[in-house]
């Protein structure tokens, strides 16, 4: 009997573990090559793991809800289809084939990361750090580091995960209470007294239900979105600057070339790649918006990787990333935007497609919104929202003097982390993006 280990596949450079959400096959079931065996979930995507071989599933090595490291075996398959021997012999003598091709992750299902917008914090390399025997994930340790939570204090947090493990939700729920306690303690110390000032505890309010109400439990993706929104607002003091850009040249140019563009490139050109091109140019002028914060250190990114918010059929948003966007021309950006958007809508994105972003843009104009105050996509420090393009009367300068004309106008909303991006930088950056849009050459070749 030849036994093959089914390995938890690599799901991207930033993904080190996954949770088994559902077994699609039971022990003893016959399996075909590439047939899905188990559903898994990470902070980035929900996926199915297919079998690398045909045979019979003889052993599940993990249960639903277990967290499994990438590269670990999750099941054993008898590639010759013999079940009886495996069932009766708990310690088979036949050699297990360990050098197998990792199972590819296919048919990615719902992916998080909304923009208002967010993607999960990029996980660092897993280190199995235990303090009292309890494992802490890279995300939990990253949040603890940012919030100044010591190892001893981390040990005091009650964990709701497997074997008491502290989850992201646990530490985020702990932070408001901790903040109040620290503030109270500091106030007492400042006054030089030990006066008994009661700590204010922030508890979830009890929301009464009324007749006819429908209770809808959040799905996993919505819970991730909710937690990440709170974390982002807690981490970064948000400031938003606004500029209204004249898009008339771009609208006229696109109307002129869109049919020829589609005929030559077999791609529809939208306003999104043009806006991204302007953002990339502005980042080169102001590279200090293309950064991240790590404690007291600023990480200045070499690459310009632009995340773009994309609506999913479910109504949620995901943020796939255009890697090295500064190395693409307008045709390349158009193809990248269309490819990522199409794969997002068809649930074909991989974890790497939504990882590594350094700056994010969300085109809220597609929803008819004129502007928005977007939430920063951690661990980035800035995000831009592009509103709907509207016809407006505007004063323009002509050789004969000022005149009023109908122009195509669009608001740009630039939200940034005021810890490291001051108002001058944040304001000049969004103004520069508008300048590049307004200076667009109507005679440009593609």
Protein backbone atom coordinates (compact mmCIF):
# COMPACT_ATOMS: atom_id res chain seq x y z
CA UNK A 1 0.00 0.00 0.00
CA UNK A 2 1.56 3.32 -1.12
CA UNK A 3 0.69 6.15 1.20
CA UNK A 4 0.98 9.80 0.23
CA UNK A 5 0.87 12.77 2.58
CA UNK A 6 -1.35 15.65 1.52
CA UNK A 7 0.60 18.79 2.44
CA UNK A 8 -0.83 22.14 3.48
CA UNK A 9 0.16 24.14 0.39
CA UNK A 10 2.05 27.40 0.25
CA UNK A 11 -0.54 30.12 -0.26
CA UNK A 12 1.69 33.14 -0.70
CA UNK A 13 4.82 34.58 0.81
CA UNK A 14 2.94 36.29 3.62
CA UNK A 15 0.77 33.31 4.63
CA UNK A 16 2.29 30.88 7.11
CA UNK A 17 -0.75 29.04 8.49
CA UNK A 18 -4.36 28.24 7.70
CA UNK A 19 -7.41 27.03 9.58
CA UNK A 20 -9.27 23.92 8.50
CA UNK A 21 -12.88 25.01 8.16
CA UNK A 22 -14.51 21.94 6.64
CA UNK A 23 -13.57 18.44 5.50
CA UNK A 24 -15.21 17.68 2.16
CA UNK A 25 -14.26 13.99 2.31
CA UNK A 26 -14.55 11.41 5.08
CA UNK A 27 -12.03 8.71 5.94
CA UNK A 28 -12.59 5.82 3.57
CA UNK A 29 -13.87 7.98 0.70
CA UNK A 30 -12.45 7.46 -2.78
CA UNK A 31 -10.71 10.53 -4.20
CA UNK A 32 -9.72 11.52 -7.73
CA UNK A 33 -6.64 13.55 -8.59
CA UNK A 34 -7.32 17.28 -8.20
CA UNK A 35 -10.57 16.60 -6.35
CA UNK A 36 -11.08 18.97 -3.43
CA UNK A 37 -10.64 17.32 -0.03
CA UNK A 38 -10.74 20.11 2.53
CA UNK A 39 -11.70 23.76 2.83
CA UNK A 40 -9.21 26.08 4.54
CA UNK A 41 -9.22 29.71 5.60
CA UNK A 42 -6.50 32.28 6.16
CA UNK A 43 -6.65 35.97 7.02
CA UNK A 44 -6.54 36.57 3.28
CA UNK A 45 -8.63 33.99 1.44
CA UNK A 46 -10.85 30.95 1.79
CA UNK A 47 -9.71 28.11 -0.43
CA UNK A 48 -10.09 24.42 -1.22
CA UNK A 49 -7.14 22.02 -1.20
CA UNK A 50 -7.25 19.37 -3.93
CA UNK A 51 -5.70 15.94 -3.79
CA UNK A 52 -2.36 15.40 -5.49
CA UNK A 53 -3.17 11.78 -6.21
CA UNK A 54 -6.08 9.42 -6.75
CA UNK A 55 -6.85 6.90 -4.05
CA UNK A 56 -8.61 6.59 -0.71
CA UNK A 57 -8.50 9.01 2.20
CA UNK A 58 -7.34 6.83 5.08
CA UNK A 59 -6.42 9.35 7.76
CA UNK A 60 -7.26 12.95 8.67
CA UNK A 61 -4.39 14.40 10.68
CA UNK A 62 -6.29 17.49 11.83
CA UNK A 63 -9.86 18.32 12.79
CA UNK A 64 -12.08 21.20 11.72
CA UNK A 65 -11.01 24.37 13.49
CA UNK A 66 -7.36 23.31 13.82
CA UNK A 67 -4.66 25.75 12.74
CA UNK A 68 -2.08 24.11 10.47
CA UNK A 69 1.32 25.45 9.42
CA UNK A 70 2.19 25.62 5.73
CA UNK A 71 4.19 22.50 4.79
CA UNK A 72 2.56 20.24 7.39
CA UNK A 73 0.78 17.05 6.35
CA UNK A 74 -2.98 17.32 6.82
CA UNK A 75 -4.09 13.91 5.56
CA UNK A 76 -2.82 10.55 4.34
CA UNK A 77 -4.07 9.04 1.08
CA UNK A 78 -3.67 5.44 -0.05
CA UNK A 79 -2.78 5.89 -3.69
CA UNK A 80 -3.54 2.20 -4.43
CA UNK A 81 -7.03 2.50 -3.03
CA UNK A 82 -6.61 -0.04 -0.21
CA UNK A 83 -8.55 0.94 2.87
CA UNK A 84 -8.70 -2.14 5.02
CA UNK A 85 -5.05 -2.35 5.97
CA UNK A 86 -4.92 1.26 7.04
CA UNK A 87 -8.08 0.92 9.06
CA UNK A 88 -6.85 -2.07 11.04
CA UNK A 89 -3.23 -1.07 11.48
CA UNK A 90 -2.73 2.20 13.37
CA UNK A 91 1.02 2.12 12.64
CA UNK A 92 1.43 1.03 9.02
CA UNK A 93 4.80 -0.46 8.19
CA UNK A 94 4.84 0.74 4.61
CA UNK A 95 6.98 3.76 3.95
CA UNK A 96 5.09 7.02 3.67
CA UNK A 97 5.93 9.06 0.60
CA UNK A 98 6.86 12.46 1.96
CA UNK A 99 8.38 14.13 -1.08
CA UNK A 100 5.22 15.07 -2.91
CA UNK A 101 4.30 18.09 -4.94
CA UNK A 102 2.48 20.62 -2.80
CA UNK A 103 -1.21 20.75 -3.51
CA UNK A 104 -2.10 23.88 -5.41
CA UNK A 105 -4.78 26.09 -3.94
CA UNK A 106 -7.61 26.41 -6.42
CA UNK A 107 -11.01 28.01 -6.62
CA UNK A 108 -10.33 30.75 -4.13
CA UNK A 109 -13.61 31.79 -2.57
CA UNK A 110 -14.58 34.93 -0.78
CA UNK A 111 -11.67 37.18 -0.02
CA UNK A 112 -11.50 39.91 2.56
CA UNK A 113 -10.47 43.12 2.54
CA UNK A 114 -12.59 45.91 2.12
CA UNK A 115 -11.82 49.44 1.25
CA UNK A 116 -13.30 51.63 2.86
CA UNK A 117 -10.61 49.72 2.52
CA UNK A 118 -8.41 47.13 4.02
CA UNK A 119 -6.33 44.09 3.54
CA UNK A 120 -4.95 42.17 6.45
CA UNK A 121 -1.63 43.13 7.97
CA UNK A 122 1.10 41.24 6.16
CA UNK A 123 2.12 38.33 8.37
CA UNK A 124 5.74 38.03 9.29
CA UNK A 125 7.59 34.74 9.27
CA UNK A 126 6.14 32.42 11.89
CA UNK A 127 8.20 31.98 14.98
CA UNK A 128 6.87 29.43 17.41
CA UNK A 129 7.39 31.68 20.39
CA UNK A 130 5.89 30.36 23.58
CA UNK A 131 6.04 32.08 26.92
CA UNK A 132 3.99 29.78 29.11
CA UNK A 133 3.46 27.16 26.46
CA UNK A 134 0.92 29.30 24.59
CA UNK A 135 1.47 30.05 20.89
CA UNK A 136 1.10 33.62 19.58
CA UNK A 137 0.55 34.22 15.88
CA UNK A 138 2.66 36.80 14.01
CA UNK A 139 -0.37 39.12 13.74
CA UNK A 140 -1.05 39.01 17.49
CA UNK A 141 2.62 39.62 18.25
CA UNK A 142 2.72 42.47 15.75
CA UNK A 143 -0.29 44.17 17.36
CA UNK A 144 1.20 43.63 20.81
CA UNK A 145 4.48 45.23 19.69
CA UNK A 146 2.73 48.26 18.20
CA UNK A 147 0.64 48.76 21.33
CA UNK A 148 3.56 48.31 23.72
CA UNK A 149 2.11 45.19 25.30
CA UNK A 150 4.82 43.26 27.12
CA UNK A 151 5.11 39.49 27.06
CA UNK A 152 3.94 39.32 30.66
CA UNK A 153 0.90 41.42 29.87
CA UNK A 154 0.16 39.33 26.79
CA UNK A 155 0.05 36.28 29.02
CA UNK A 156 -2.79 37.83 31.07
CA UNK A 157 -5.14 38.12 28.08
CA UNK A 158 -7.79 35.43 27.99
CA UNK A 159 -7.68 33.58 24.69
CA UNK A 160 -10.75 32.25 22.89
CA UNK A 161 -8.78 30.20 20.35
CA UNK A 162 -7.77 26.58 20.44
CA UNK A 163 -6.01 25.64 23.70
CA UNK A 164 -6.54 29.17 24.98
CA UNK A 165 -4.70 30.80 22.09
CA UNK A 166 -5.04 34.58 21.90
CA UNK A 167 -6.67 35.57 18.60
CA UNK A 168 -6.65 38.91 16.84
CA UNK A 169 -10.18 39.50 18.10
CA UNK A 170 -9.10 38.84 21.68
CA UNK A 171 -6.27 41.37 21.63
CA UNK A 172 -8.37 44.00 19.82
CA UNK A 173 -11.13 43.59 22.40
CA UNK A 174 -8.53 43.91 25.16
CA UNK A 175 -7.05 47.18 23.89
CA UNK A 176 -9.92 49.59 24.77
CA UNK A 177 -10.00 48.36 28.38
CA UNK A 178 -6.23 48.51 28.59
CA UNK A 179 -6.20 52.07 27.24
CA UNK A 180 -8.63 53.24 29.88
CA UNK A 181 -6.72 51.56 32.68
CA UNK A 182 -3.41 53.07 31.53
CA UNK A 183 -4.98 56.52 31.25
CA UNK A 184 -6.44 56.26 34.75
CA UNK A 185 -3.15 55.08 36.18
CA UNK A 186 -1.27 57.94 34.50
CA UNK A 187 -3.74 60.49 35.80
CA UNK A 188 -3.33 59.20 39.33
CA UNK A 189 0.47 59.35 39.06
CA UNK A 190 0.36 62.90 37.71
CA UNK A 191 -1.73 64.04 40.63
CA UNK A 192 0.71 62.40 43.00
CA UNK A 193 -2.10 60.61 44.78
CA UNK A 194 -3.54 57.16 44.82
CA UNK A 195 -7.09 58.41 44.62
CA UNK A 196 -9.59 55.73 43.75
CA UNK A 197 -10.62 56.71 40.26
CA UNK A 198 -12.71 53.93 38.75
CA UNK A 199 -11.47 52.59 35.43
CA UNK A 200 -13.92 53.01 32.61
CA UNK A 201 -14.51 49.68 30.96
CA UNK A 202 -15.67 49.64 27.38
CA UNK A 203 -18.12 46.80 26.99
CA UNK A 204 -20.19 45.94 23.93
CA UNK A 205 -23.59 47.52 24.33
CA UNK A 206 -26.65 45.31 24.53
CA UNK A 207 -28.80 46.09 21.52
CA UNK A 208 -32.46 45.29 22.10
CA UNK A 209 -34.37 43.61 19.30
CA UNK A 210 -37.81 44.75 18.25
CA UNK A 211 -40.70 43.04 16.62
CA UNK A 212 -40.03 42.01 13.04
CA UNK A 213 -36.24 42.34 13.34
CA UNK A 214 -34.09 39.82 11.51
CA UNK A 215 -30.88 38.68 13.19
CA UNK A 216 -28.09 38.06 10.66
CA UNK A 217 -24.86 36.58 11.97
CA UNK A 218 -21.72 38.07 10.45
CA UNK A 219 -19.88 35.69 8.19
CA UNK A 220 -16.15 35.16 8.57
CA UNK A 221 -15.22 37.79 6.00
CA UNK A 222 -17.41 40.45 7.60
CA UNK A 223 -15.88 39.73 11.02
CA UNK A 224 -12.39 40.14 9.55
CA UNK A 225 -13.42 43.41 7.95
CA UNK A 226 -14.96 44.72 11.17
CA UNK A 227 -11.92 43.85 13.26
CA UNK A 228 -9.50 45.31 10.74
CA UNK A 229 -11.45 48.54 10.45
CA UNK A 230 -11.31 49.02 14.21
CA UNK A 231 -7.60 48.15 14.29
CA UNK A 232 -6.78 50.63 11.52
CA UNK A 233 -8.65 53.50 13.18
CA UNK A 234 -7.06 52.64 16.52
CA UNK A 235 -3.58 52.50 14.99
CA UNK A 236 -3.55 55.58 12.76
CA UNK A 237 -4.85 59.09 13.49
CA UNK A 238 -6.63 59.71 10.21
CA UNK A 239 -6.56 63.07 8.42
CA UNK A 240 -8.18 63.61 5.01
CA UNK A 241 -7.31 66.26 2.42
CA UNK A 242 -9.52 67.00 -0.60
CA UNK A 243 -8.81 68.37 -4.07
CA UNK A 244 -11.14 68.78 -7.04
CA UNK A 245 -9.44 67.79 -10.29
CA UNK A 246 -10.47 68.85 -13.79
CA UNK A 247 -10.78 65.59 -15.76
CA UNK A 248 -11.99 67.16 -19.03
CA UNK A 249 -8.84 66.33 -21.02
CA UNK A 250 -8.91 62.72 -19.82
CA UNK A 251 -12.63 62.29 -20.54
CA UNK A 252 -12.23 63.67 -24.05
CA UNK A 253 -9.13 61.55 -24.74
CA UNK A 254 -10.75 58.35 -23.49
CA UNK A 255 -13.88 58.96 -25.58
CA UNK A 256 -11.65 59.46 -28.61
CA UNK A 257 -9.48 56.33 -28.23
CA UNK A 258 -11.59 53.76 -26.37
CA UNK A 259 -12.84 51.95 -29.48
CA UNK A 260 -9.41 51.85 -31.09
CA UNK A 261 -7.87 50.81 -27.76
CA UNK A 262 -10.26 47.87 -27.47
CA UNK A 263 -9.72 46.83 -31.09
CA UNK A 264 -5.93 46.82 -30.67
CA UNK A 265 -5.50 45.56 -27.10
CA UNK A 266 -8.76 43.64 -26.60
CA UNK A 267 -9.12 45.56 -23.34
CA UNK A 268 -11.55 48.21 -22.19
CA UNK A 269 -9.79 51.30 -20.86
CA UNK A 270 -11.39 52.84 -17.78
CA UNK A 271 -10.43 55.86 -15.68
CA UNK A 272 -8.88 53.68 -12.96
CA UNK A 273 -5.53 52.95 -14.68
CA UNK A 274 -5.20 56.62 -15.63
CA UNK A 275 -5.72 57.65 -12.00
CA UNK A 276 -3.26 54.98 -10.84
CA UNK A 277 -0.68 56.28 -13.31
CA UNK A 278 -1.00 59.77 -11.81
CA UNK A 279 -0.71 58.41 -8.27
CA UNK A 280 2.46 56.48 -9.18
CA UNK A 281 4.02 59.64 -10.63
CA UNK A 282 3.14 61.58 -7.47
CA UNK A 283 4.64 58.86 -5.26
CA UNK A 284 7.92 59.28 -7.11
CA UNK A 285 7.75 62.99 -6.29
CA UNK A 286 6.73 62.38 -2.66
CA UNK A 287 8.13 58.95 -1.65
CA UNK A 288 7.39 59.50 2.04
CA UNK A 289 3.75 58.55 1.49
CA UNK A 290 4.95 55.14 0.30
CA UNK A 291 6.01 54.01 3.77
CA UNK A 292 5.00 51.89 6.74
CA UNK A 293 5.51 52.33 10.49
CA UNK A 294 7.20 49.70 12.65
CA UNK A 295 7.25 50.96 16.23
CA UNK A 296 9.52 54.02 16.21
CA UNK A 297 10.95 53.13 12.79
CA UNK A 298 9.76 54.24 9.36
CA UNK A 299 10.06 51.70 6.54
CA UNK A 300 10.52 53.51 3.24
CA UNK A 301 9.33 51.20 0.50
CA UNK A 302 11.44 50.71 -2.59
CA UNK A 303 8.64 49.16 -4.63
CA UNK A 304 5.47 50.98 -5.61
CA UNK A 305 2.71 48.38 -5.30
CA UNK A 306 -0.74 49.87 -5.80
CA UNK A 307 -3.77 48.20 -4.21
CA UNK A 308 -7.05 48.78 -6.02
CA UNK A 309 -10.42 48.27 -4.39
CA UNK A 310 -12.63 45.93 -6.39
CA UNK A 311 -16.27 45.15 -5.72
CA UNK A 312 -17.20 41.49 -5.32
CA UNK A 313 -20.55 39.98 -6.35
CA UNK A 314 -21.33 39.62 -2.63
CA UNK A 315 -21.16 43.40 -2.21
CA UNK A 316 -17.91 43.26 -0.26
CA UNK A 317 -14.66 44.74 -1.48
CA UNK A 318 -11.24 43.20 -2.00
CA UNK A 319 -7.94 44.93 -2.70
CA UNK A 320 -5.76 43.11 -5.26
CA UNK A 321 -2.33 44.64 -5.76
CA UNK A 322 -0.55 45.80 -8.93
CA UNK A 323 3.07 44.97 -8.17
CA UNK A 324 5.76 47.40 -9.37
CA UNK A 325 3.15 49.67 -10.91
CA UNK A 326 5.82 52.26 -11.71
CA UNK A 327 7.32 49.86 -14.26
CA UNK A 328 4.11 49.62 -16.32
CA UNK A 329 2.92 51.97 -19.04
CA UNK A 330 -0.75 52.87 -19.43
CA UNK A 331 -1.49 49.79 -21.52
CA UNK A 332 0.19 47.58 -18.92
CA UNK A 333 -1.71 49.23 -16.08
CA UNK A 334 -4.99 48.79 -17.98
CA UNK A 335 -4.34 45.09 -18.48
CA UNK A 336 -3.32 44.64 -14.86
CA UNK A 337 -6.41 46.47 -13.58
CA UNK A 338 -8.79 44.47 -15.80
CA UNK A 339 -7.11 41.14 -15.04
CA UNK A 340 -7.20 41.60 -11.27
CA UNK A 341 -10.75 42.95 -11.32
CA UNK A 342 -12.02 40.03 -13.43
CA UNK A 343 -10.27 37.43 -11.29
CA UNK A 344 -11.60 39.08 -8.14
CA UNK A 345 -15.17 38.92 -9.38
CA UNK A 346 -14.72 35.28 -10.35
CA UNK A 347 -13.03 34.28 -7.07
CA UNK A 348 -9.76 33.41 -8.81
CA UNK A 349 -7.35 35.59 -6.83
CA UNK A 350 -4.46 34.02 -4.95
CA UNK A 351 -3.07 35.25 -1.60
CA UNK A 352 -0.10 36.81 -3.38
CA UNK A 353 -2.50 38.87 -5.52
CA UNK A 354 -3.70 40.74 -2.43
CA UNK A 355 -0.41 40.96 -0.54
CA UNK A 356 2.41 43.48 -0.55
CA UNK A 357 0.53 46.68 -1.29
CA UNK A 358 2.28 49.94 -0.39
CA UNK A 359 -0.47 52.44 -1.34
CA UNK A 360 -4.18 51.94 -2.05
CA UNK A 361 -6.72 53.64 -4.30
CA UNK A 362 -10.47 53.13 -4.26
CA UNK A 363 -12.67 54.40 -7.08
CA UNK A 364 -15.85 55.31 -5.20
CA UNK A 365 -17.17 57.05 -8.28
CA UNK A 366 -18.27 53.64 -9.57
CA UNK A 367 -20.92 53.73 -6.82
CA UNK A 368 -22.02 57.25 -7.72
CA UNK A 369 -20.22 58.79 -4.72
CA UNK A 370 -18.58 62.18 -5.19
CA UNK A 371 -16.13 61.73 -2.30
CA UNK A 372 -15.35 59.52 0.68
CA UNK A 373 -13.16 59.44 3.79
CA UNK A 374 -11.46 56.06 3.27
CA UNK A 375 -9.85 54.04 6.05
CA UNK A 376 -6.12 53.40 5.71
CA UNK A 377 -5.15 49.94 4.54
CA UNK A 378 -2.72 48.86 7.28
CA UNK A 379 0.24 48.65 7.37
CA UNK A 380 0.22 51.40 4.75
CA UNK A 381 -0.02 55.04 5.80
CA UNK A 382 -2.22 56.55 3.08
CA UNK A 383 -5.12 55.81 0.75
CA UNK A 384 -6.88 57.81 -1.97
CA UNK A 385 -10.52 57.77 -3.01
CA UNK A 386 -11.51 58.97 -6.48
CA UNK A 387 -15.09 60.25 -6.74
CA UNK A 388 -17.59 60.34 -9.57
CA UNK A 389 -16.76 62.52 -12.57
CA UNK A 390 -19.46 65.16 -12.94
CA UNK A 391 -20.12 67.96 -15.38
CA UNK A 392 -19.93 71.35 -13.66
CA UNK A 393 -19.78 75.00 -14.66
CA UNK A 394 -16.27 76.30 -13.99
CA UNK A 395 -14.24 79.43 -14.57
CA UNK A 396 -11.45 78.83 -17.08
CA UNK A 397 -8.72 81.10 -18.37
CA UNK A 398 -8.65 81.78 -22.13
CA UNK A 399 -6.55 84.12 -24.32
CA UNK A 400 -9.59 86.39 -24.44
CA UNK A 401 -9.98 86.38 -20.65
CA UNK A 402 -11.86 84.32 -18.07
CA UNK A 403 -14.91 82.40 -19.18
CA UNK A 404 -17.43 79.99 -17.73
CA UNK A 405 -17.48 76.56 -19.35
CA UNK A 406 -18.79 73.07 -18.66
CA UNK A 407 -15.95 70.94 -17.30
CA UNK A 408 -15.68 67.36 -16.05
CA UNK A 409 -14.74 67.50 -12.36
CA UNK A 410 -13.75 64.83 -9.84
CA UNK A 411 -12.94 64.98 -6.12
CA UNK A 412 -9.85 63.22 -4.78
CA UNK A 413 -9.91 62.31 -1.08
CA UNK A 414 -6.52 61.54 0.45
CA UNK A 415 -6.58 59.97 3.93
CA UNK A 416 -3.22 59.63 5.68
CA UNK A 417 -1.63 58.61 8.97
CA UNK A 418 -0.88 61.85 10.82
CA UNK A 419 1.81 60.14 12.92
CA UNK A 420 4.17 60.22 9.95
CA UNK A 421 2.43 62.15 7.16
CA UNK A 422 1.91 65.79 8.08
CA UNK A 423 -0.76 67.99 6.55
CA UNK A 424 1.70 69.69 4.23
CA UNK A 425 2.91 66.41 2.72
CA UNK A 426 -0.57 64.90 2.59
CA UNK A 427 -2.01 67.99 0.97
CA UNK A 428 0.80 68.49 -1.54
CA UNK A 429 0.60 64.85 -2.58
CA UNK A 430 -3.09 64.89 -3.50
CA UNK A 431 -2.62 68.25 -5.24
CA UNK A 432 0.21 66.72 -7.29
CA UNK A 433 -2.01 63.82 -8.34
CA UNK A 434 -4.63 66.32 -9.50
CA UNK A 435 -1.97 68.26 -11.41
CA UNK A 436 -0.88 65.16 -13.31
CA UNK A 437 -4.52 64.40 -14.19
CA UNK A 438 -5.22 67.94 -15.36
CA UNK A 439 -2.02 68.06 -17.46
CA UNK A 440 -2.97 64.89 -19.34
CA UNK A 441 -2.03 65.19 -23.03
CA UNK A 442 -5.13 64.98 -25.23
CA UNK A 443 -2.92 64.01 -28.17
CA UNK A 444 -1.24 61.18 -26.32
CA UNK A 445 -0.55 57.94 -28.16
CA UNK A 446 -1.08 54.59 -26.43
